[in-house]
């Protein structure tokens, strides 16, 4: 086939392969945060979906004063299930943000070229 340079194509493939390896190696430098319960629970995660930090606002677990109305600003200290739900929601939101950030990071490394086997 005239004009088709297989060597050029192979060089380009190696360039993309190198760029992808570098991008994958730097995923742990990406950081995303998510929260739930109006900021009562915060999760920080890297581009590999590893949890870096979980923060629970100290006000979240303060006991309610006698006659005080229970609102969204705190969690009843006896309601373990509520805290577990807020943690799960924050972790899931952070994981979704981490996947989106990682996909964008990897796509940028390939110059927008769709590479088989990549999630985007």
N, C-alpha and C. Protein backbone atom coordinates (compact mmCIF):
# COMPACT_ATOMS: atom_id res chain seq x y z
N UNK A 1 0.85 -1.17 0.00
CA UNK A 1 0.00 0.00 0.00
C UNK A 1 0.90 1.24 0.00
N UNK A 2 0.87 2.06 -1.03
CA UNK A 2 1.73 3.24 -1.10
C UNK A 2 1.33 4.27 -0.04
N UNK A 3 2.33 4.92 0.56
CA UNK A 3 2.07 5.97 1.54
C UNK A 3 1.83 5.48 2.95
N UNK A 4 1.77 4.17 3.17
CA UNK A 4 1.53 3.63 4.50
C UNK A 4 2.86 3.26 5.13
N UNK A 5 3.22 3.91 6.23
CA UNK A 5 4.51 3.69 6.88
C UNK A 5 4.28 2.95 8.20
N UNK A 6 4.48 1.65 8.17
CA UNK A 6 4.27 0.83 9.37
C UNK A 6 5.24 1.21 10.48
N UNK A 7 6.44 1.63 10.13
CA UNK A 7 7.43 2.04 11.15
C UNK A 7 6.94 3.28 11.90
N UNK A 8 6.38 4.23 11.16
CA UNK A 8 5.83 5.43 11.80
C UNK A 8 4.70 5.06 12.75
N UNK A 9 3.83 4.19 12.31
CA UNK A 9 2.72 3.73 13.13
C UNK A 9 3.22 3.06 14.41
N UNK A 10 4.26 2.25 14.31
CA UNK A 10 4.82 1.58 15.48
C UNK A 10 5.45 2.60 16.44
N UNK A 11 6.12 3.62 15.91
CA UNK A 11 6.70 4.67 16.78
C UNK A 11 5.60 5.41 17.53
N UNK A 12 4.52 5.71 16.82
CA UNK A 12 3.40 6.39 17.45
C UNK A 12 2.79 5.52 18.55
N UNK A 13 2.65 4.23 18.29
CA UNK A 13 2.10 3.31 19.28
C UNK A 13 2.99 3.26 20.52
N UNK A 14 4.30 3.24 20.32
CA UNK A 14 5.23 3.23 21.47
C UNK A 14 5.13 4.54 22.27
N UNK A 15 4.94 5.66 21.58
CA UNK A 15 4.78 6.94 22.25
C UNK A 15 3.54 6.93 23.14
N UNK A 16 2.45 6.44 22.58
CA UNK A 16 1.20 6.37 23.34
C UNK A 16 1.35 5.41 24.51
N UNK A 17 1.99 4.29 24.28
CA UNK A 17 2.21 3.31 25.35
C UNK A 17 3.02 3.94 26.49
N UNK A 18 4.06 4.69 26.16
CA UNK A 18 4.89 5.35 27.17
C UNK A 18 4.07 6.40 27.92
N UNK A 19 3.30 7.19 27.18
CA UNK A 19 2.48 8.22 27.81
C UNK A 19 1.45 7.60 28.76
N UNK A 20 0.86 6.48 28.36
CA UNK A 20 -0.11 5.79 29.22
C UNK A 20 0.56 5.26 30.48
N UNK A 21 1.73 4.69 30.36
CA UNK A 21 2.45 4.17 31.53
C UNK A 21 2.75 5.30 32.51
N UNK A 22 3.19 6.44 31.99
CA UNK A 22 3.48 7.59 32.84
C UNK A 22 2.20 8.12 33.50
N UNK A 23 1.12 8.16 32.74
CA UNK A 23 -0.15 8.64 33.29
C UNK A 23 -0.67 7.71 34.37
N UNK A 24 -0.57 6.42 34.14
CA UNK A 24 -1.00 5.45 35.16
C UNK A 24 -0.17 5.57 36.42
N UNK A 25 1.14 5.77 36.24
CA UNK A 25 2.03 5.89 37.40
C UNK A 25 1.72 7.13 38.22
N UNK A 26 1.14 8.14 37.61
CA UNK A 26 0.87 9.38 38.34
C UNK A 26 -0.56 9.48 38.86
N UNK A 27 -1.35 8.42 38.74
CA UNK A 27 -2.73 8.47 39.23
C UNK A 27 -2.81 8.71 40.73
N UNK A 28 -1.79 8.28 41.46
CA UNK A 28 -1.83 8.48 42.90
C UNK A 28 -1.61 9.95 43.29
N UNK A 29 -1.22 10.77 42.32
CA UNK A 29 -1.05 12.20 42.58
C UNK A 29 -2.35 12.98 42.41
N UNK A 30 -3.33 12.36 41.77
CA UNK A 30 -4.65 12.98 41.66
C UNK A 30 -5.34 12.89 43.02
N UNK A 31 -6.12 13.87 43.36
CA UNK A 31 -6.88 13.82 44.62
C UNK A 31 -8.26 14.43 44.39
N UNK A 32 -9.25 13.75 44.89
CA UNK A 32 -10.63 14.24 44.82
C UNK A 32 -11.23 14.15 46.21
N UNK A 33 -12.25 14.96 46.43
CA UNK A 33 -12.95 14.95 47.71
C UNK A 33 -14.44 14.88 47.45
N UNK A 34 -15.14 14.28 48.40
CA UNK A 34 -16.59 14.23 48.35
C UNK A 34 -17.10 14.27 49.78
N UNK A 35 -18.34 14.67 49.93
CA UNK A 35 -18.91 14.76 51.27
C UNK A 35 -20.35 14.28 51.25
N UNK A 36 -20.86 14.05 52.44
CA UNK A 36 -22.27 13.69 52.59
C UNK A 36 -22.76 14.30 53.89
N UNK A 37 -24.05 14.32 54.05
CA UNK A 37 -24.63 14.87 55.26
C UNK A 37 -24.35 16.35 55.42
N UNK A 38 -24.32 17.07 54.32
CA UNK A 38 -24.07 18.50 54.39
C UNK A 38 -22.68 18.83 54.91
N UNK A 39 -21.73 17.95 54.65
CA UNK A 39 -20.35 18.19 55.07
C UNK A 39 -19.98 17.53 56.38
N UNK A 40 -20.90 16.77 56.96
CA UNK A 40 -20.59 16.08 58.22
C UNK A 40 -19.54 14.99 58.02
N UNK A 41 -19.57 14.35 56.85
CA UNK A 41 -18.60 13.30 56.53
C UNK A 41 -17.92 13.68 55.22
N UNK A 42 -16.58 13.69 55.23
CA UNK A 42 -15.80 14.02 54.03
C UNK A 42 -14.80 12.91 53.77
N UNK A 43 -14.62 12.60 52.48
CA UNK A 43 -13.68 11.55 52.07
C UNK A 43 -12.76 12.13 51.00
N UNK A 44 -11.47 11.86 51.16
CA UNK A 44 -10.48 12.24 50.15
C UNK A 44 -9.91 10.96 49.57
N UNK A 45 -9.82 10.91 48.23
CA UNK A 45 -9.42 9.70 47.53
C UNK A 45 -8.47 10.07 46.40
N UNK A 46 -7.55 9.15 46.05
CA UNK A 46 -6.64 9.42 44.93
C UNK A 46 -7.20 8.83 43.64
N UNK A 47 -6.47 8.99 42.55
CA UNK A 47 -6.92 8.53 41.24
C UNK A 47 -6.98 7.02 41.09
N UNK A 48 -6.43 6.31 42.05
CA UNK A 48 -6.51 4.84 42.05
C UNK A 48 -7.66 4.34 42.92
N UNK A 49 -8.49 5.27 43.39
CA UNK A 49 -9.63 4.99 44.27
C UNK A 49 -9.20 4.47 45.64
N UNK A 50 -8.02 4.88 46.07
CA UNK A 50 -7.58 4.55 47.43
C UNK A 50 -8.01 5.69 48.35
N UNK A 51 -8.61 5.33 49.47
CA UNK A 51 -9.05 6.34 50.43
C UNK A 51 -7.82 6.91 51.13
N UNK A 52 -7.67 8.24 51.06
CA UNK A 52 -6.55 8.92 51.69
C UNK A 52 -6.92 9.44 53.07
N UNK A 53 -8.18 9.87 53.20
CA UNK A 53 -8.60 10.46 54.47
C UNK A 53 -10.11 10.41 54.60
N UNK A 54 -10.57 10.15 55.82
CA UNK A 54 -11.99 10.24 56.15
C UNK A 54 -12.10 11.22 57.31
N UNK A 55 -12.94 12.21 57.14
CA UNK A 55 -13.12 13.22 58.17
C UNK A 55 -14.57 13.22 58.63
N UNK A 56 -14.77 13.16 59.94
CA UNK A 56 -16.11 13.28 60.50
C UNK A 56 -16.12 14.54 61.35
N UNK A 57 -16.97 15.46 61.00
CA UNK A 57 -17.07 16.73 61.72
C UNK A 57 -17.40 16.42 63.19
N UNK A 58 -16.63 16.95 64.13
CA UNK A 58 -16.90 16.68 65.55
C UNK A 58 -18.31 17.08 65.98
N UNK A 59 -18.86 18.10 65.34
CA UNK A 59 -20.23 18.50 65.68
C UNK A 59 -21.24 17.42 65.32
N UNK A 60 -20.86 16.53 64.42
CA UNK A 60 -21.79 15.50 63.96
C UNK A 60 -22.21 14.58 65.10
N UNK A 61 -21.34 14.36 66.04
CA UNK A 61 -21.62 13.38 67.09
C UNK A 61 -21.89 14.00 68.45
N UNK A 62 -22.07 15.31 68.49
CA UNK A 62 -22.43 15.94 69.75
C UNK A 62 -23.82 15.49 70.16
N UNK A 63 -23.99 15.16 71.43
CA UNK A 63 -25.33 14.75 71.87
C UNK A 63 -26.31 15.92 71.79
N UNK A 64 -27.56 15.60 71.59
CA UNK A 64 -28.60 16.62 71.55
C UNK A 64 -28.93 17.03 72.98
N UNK A 65 -29.13 18.32 73.19
CA UNK A 65 -29.53 18.82 74.51
C UNK A 65 -30.98 18.45 74.76
N UNK A 66 -31.35 18.40 76.02
CA UNK A 66 -32.73 18.05 76.39
C UNK A 66 -33.69 19.02 75.71
N UNK A 67 -34.65 18.47 75.03
CA UNK A 67 -35.67 19.26 74.35
C UNK A 67 -35.23 19.84 73.03
N UNK A 68 -33.98 19.61 72.65
CA UNK A 68 -33.48 20.14 71.38
C UNK A 68 -34.05 19.33 70.22
N UNK A 69 -34.39 20.04 69.17
CA UNK A 69 -34.96 19.38 67.99
C UNK A 69 -33.83 18.74 67.19
N UNK A 70 -34.03 17.49 66.77
CA UNK A 70 -33.03 16.79 65.97
C UNK A 70 -33.17 17.23 64.52
N UNK A 71 -32.09 17.80 63.99
CA UNK A 71 -32.11 18.28 62.61
C UNK A 71 -31.04 17.59 61.78
N UNK A 72 -30.80 18.10 60.61
CA UNK A 72 -29.83 17.51 59.70
C UNK A 72 -28.38 17.84 60.07
N UNK A 73 -28.17 18.77 61.00
CA UNK A 73 -26.82 19.23 61.30
C UNK A 73 -26.01 18.21 62.11
N UNK A 74 -26.66 17.25 62.72
CA UNK A 74 -25.94 16.28 63.54
C UNK A 74 -26.53 14.89 63.37
N UNK A 75 -25.77 13.94 63.86
CA UNK A 75 -26.21 12.54 63.84
C UNK A 75 -26.49 12.14 65.28
N UNK A 76 -27.58 11.48 65.51
CA UNK A 76 -27.86 10.98 66.85
C UNK A 76 -26.75 9.98 67.20
N UNK A 77 -25.99 10.22 68.28
CA UNK A 77 -24.89 9.31 68.62
C UNK A 77 -25.31 7.85 68.75
N UNK A 78 -26.57 7.62 69.01
CA UNK A 78 -27.05 6.24 69.11
C UNK A 78 -27.44 5.66 67.76
N UNK A 79 -27.37 6.45 66.70
CA UNK A 79 -27.80 6.00 65.37
C UNK A 79 -26.58 5.65 64.52
N UNK A 80 -26.03 4.49 64.81
CA UNK A 80 -24.84 4.02 64.09
C UNK A 80 -25.12 3.85 62.60
N UNK A 81 -26.31 3.39 62.27
CA UNK A 81 -26.68 3.15 60.87
C UNK A 81 -26.61 4.44 60.05
N UNK A 82 -26.99 5.56 60.64
CA UNK A 82 -26.94 6.83 59.93
C UNK A 82 -25.49 7.19 59.58
N UNK A 83 -24.59 7.05 60.53
CA UNK A 83 -23.18 7.34 60.27
C UNK A 83 -22.63 6.40 59.20
N UNK A 84 -22.97 5.14 59.26
CA UNK A 84 -22.52 4.17 58.25
C UNK A 84 -23.04 4.57 56.86
N UNK A 85 -24.30 5.00 56.78
CA UNK A 85 -24.88 5.41 55.50
C UNK A 85 -24.17 6.65 54.95
N UNK A 86 -23.87 7.60 55.83
CA UNK A 86 -23.17 8.81 55.40
C UNK A 86 -21.76 8.49 54.92
N UNK A 87 -21.07 7.58 55.62
CA UNK A 87 -19.74 7.16 55.19
C UNK A 87 -19.79 6.48 53.83
N UNK A 88 -20.74 5.57 53.65
CA UNK A 88 -20.88 4.87 52.38
C UNK A 88 -21.17 5.85 51.25
N UNK A 89 -22.06 6.81 51.49
CA UNK A 89 -22.41 7.79 50.47
C UNK A 89 -21.19 8.64 50.08
N UNK A 90 -20.41 9.07 51.07
CA UNK A 90 -19.24 9.89 50.79
C UNK A 90 -18.17 9.09 50.05
N UNK A 91 -17.96 7.84 50.44
CA UNK A 91 -16.96 6.99 49.77
C UNK A 91 -17.38 6.74 48.32
N UNK A 92 -18.65 6.42 48.11
CA UNK A 92 -19.13 6.17 46.75
C UNK A 92 -19.03 7.42 45.87
N UNK A 93 -19.36 8.57 46.42
CA UNK A 93 -19.25 9.82 45.65
C UNK A 93 -17.79 10.11 45.31
N UNK A 94 -16.88 9.88 46.27
CA UNK A 94 -15.46 10.12 46.01
C UNK A 94 -14.93 9.14 44.96
N UNK A 95 -15.37 7.89 45.02
CA UNK A 95 -14.92 6.88 44.05
C UNK A 95 -15.37 7.27 42.64
N UNK A 96 -16.59 7.76 42.50
CA UNK A 96 -17.08 8.19 41.19
C UNK A 96 -16.25 9.37 40.67
N UNK A 97 -15.98 10.33 41.55
CA UNK A 97 -15.16 11.48 41.14
C UNK A 97 -13.74 11.04 40.77
N UNK A 98 -13.20 10.07 41.52
CA UNK A 98 -11.85 9.57 41.23
C UNK A 98 -11.81 8.88 39.87
N UNK A 99 -12.84 8.10 39.56
CA UNK A 99 -12.90 7.42 38.25
C UNK A 99 -12.98 8.43 37.12
N UNK A 100 -13.79 9.45 37.28
CA UNK A 100 -13.93 10.48 36.26
C UNK A 100 -12.61 11.22 36.07
N UNK A 101 -11.96 11.57 37.17
CA UNK A 101 -10.68 12.28 37.10
C UNK A 101 -9.60 11.40 36.46
N UNK A 102 -9.57 10.12 36.82
CA UNK A 102 -8.58 9.20 36.25
C UNK A 102 -8.82 9.00 34.76
N UNK A 103 -10.08 8.85 34.36
CA UNK A 103 -10.40 8.71 32.94
C UNK A 103 -9.94 9.93 32.15
N UNK A 104 -10.20 11.12 32.68
CA UNK A 104 -9.79 12.35 32.00
C UNK A 104 -8.26 12.43 31.92
N UNK A 105 -7.60 12.04 33.00
CA UNK A 105 -6.13 12.06 33.05
C UNK A 105 -5.54 11.10 32.00
N UNK A 106 -6.09 9.90 31.91
CA UNK A 106 -5.59 8.91 30.94
C UNK A 106 -5.93 9.32 29.51
N UNK A 107 -7.11 9.89 29.32
CA UNK A 107 -7.51 10.33 27.98
C UNK A 107 -6.58 11.45 27.49
N UNK A 108 -6.20 12.35 28.40
CA UNK A 108 -5.29 13.43 28.06
C UNK A 108 -3.94 12.87 27.63
N UNK A 109 -3.51 11.78 28.27
CA UNK A 109 -2.21 11.17 27.95
C UNK A 109 -2.19 10.59 26.54
N UNK A 110 -3.33 10.13 26.06
CA UNK A 110 -3.39 9.55 24.72
C UNK A 110 -3.75 10.58 23.66
N UNK A 111 -3.94 11.81 24.06
CA UNK A 111 -4.33 12.85 23.11
C UNK A 111 -5.74 12.65 22.60
N UNK A 112 -6.56 11.98 23.39
CA UNK A 112 -7.95 11.75 23.02
C UNK A 112 -8.17 10.52 22.16
N UNK A 113 -7.10 9.79 21.86
CA UNK A 113 -7.24 8.57 21.05
C UNK A 113 -7.83 7.47 21.90
N UNK A 114 -8.86 6.81 21.36
CA UNK A 114 -9.49 5.70 22.08
C UNK A 114 -8.58 4.48 22.01
N UNK A 115 -8.10 4.04 23.18
CA UNK A 115 -7.21 2.88 23.22
C UNK A 115 -8.02 1.69 23.74
N UNK A 116 -8.05 0.58 22.98
CA UNK A 116 -8.81 -0.59 23.43
C UNK A 116 -8.37 -1.04 24.83
N UNK A 117 -9.37 -1.37 25.66
CA UNK A 117 -9.09 -1.85 27.00
C UNK A 117 -9.09 -0.77 28.05
N UNK A 118 -9.20 0.51 27.65
CA UNK A 118 -9.27 1.59 28.64
C UNK A 118 -10.73 1.90 28.92
N UNK A 119 -11.02 2.35 30.13
CA UNK A 119 -12.41 2.54 30.55
C UNK A 119 -13.15 3.70 29.90
N UNK A 120 -12.52 4.61 29.22
CA UNK A 120 -13.24 5.75 28.66
C UNK A 120 -13.67 5.52 27.26
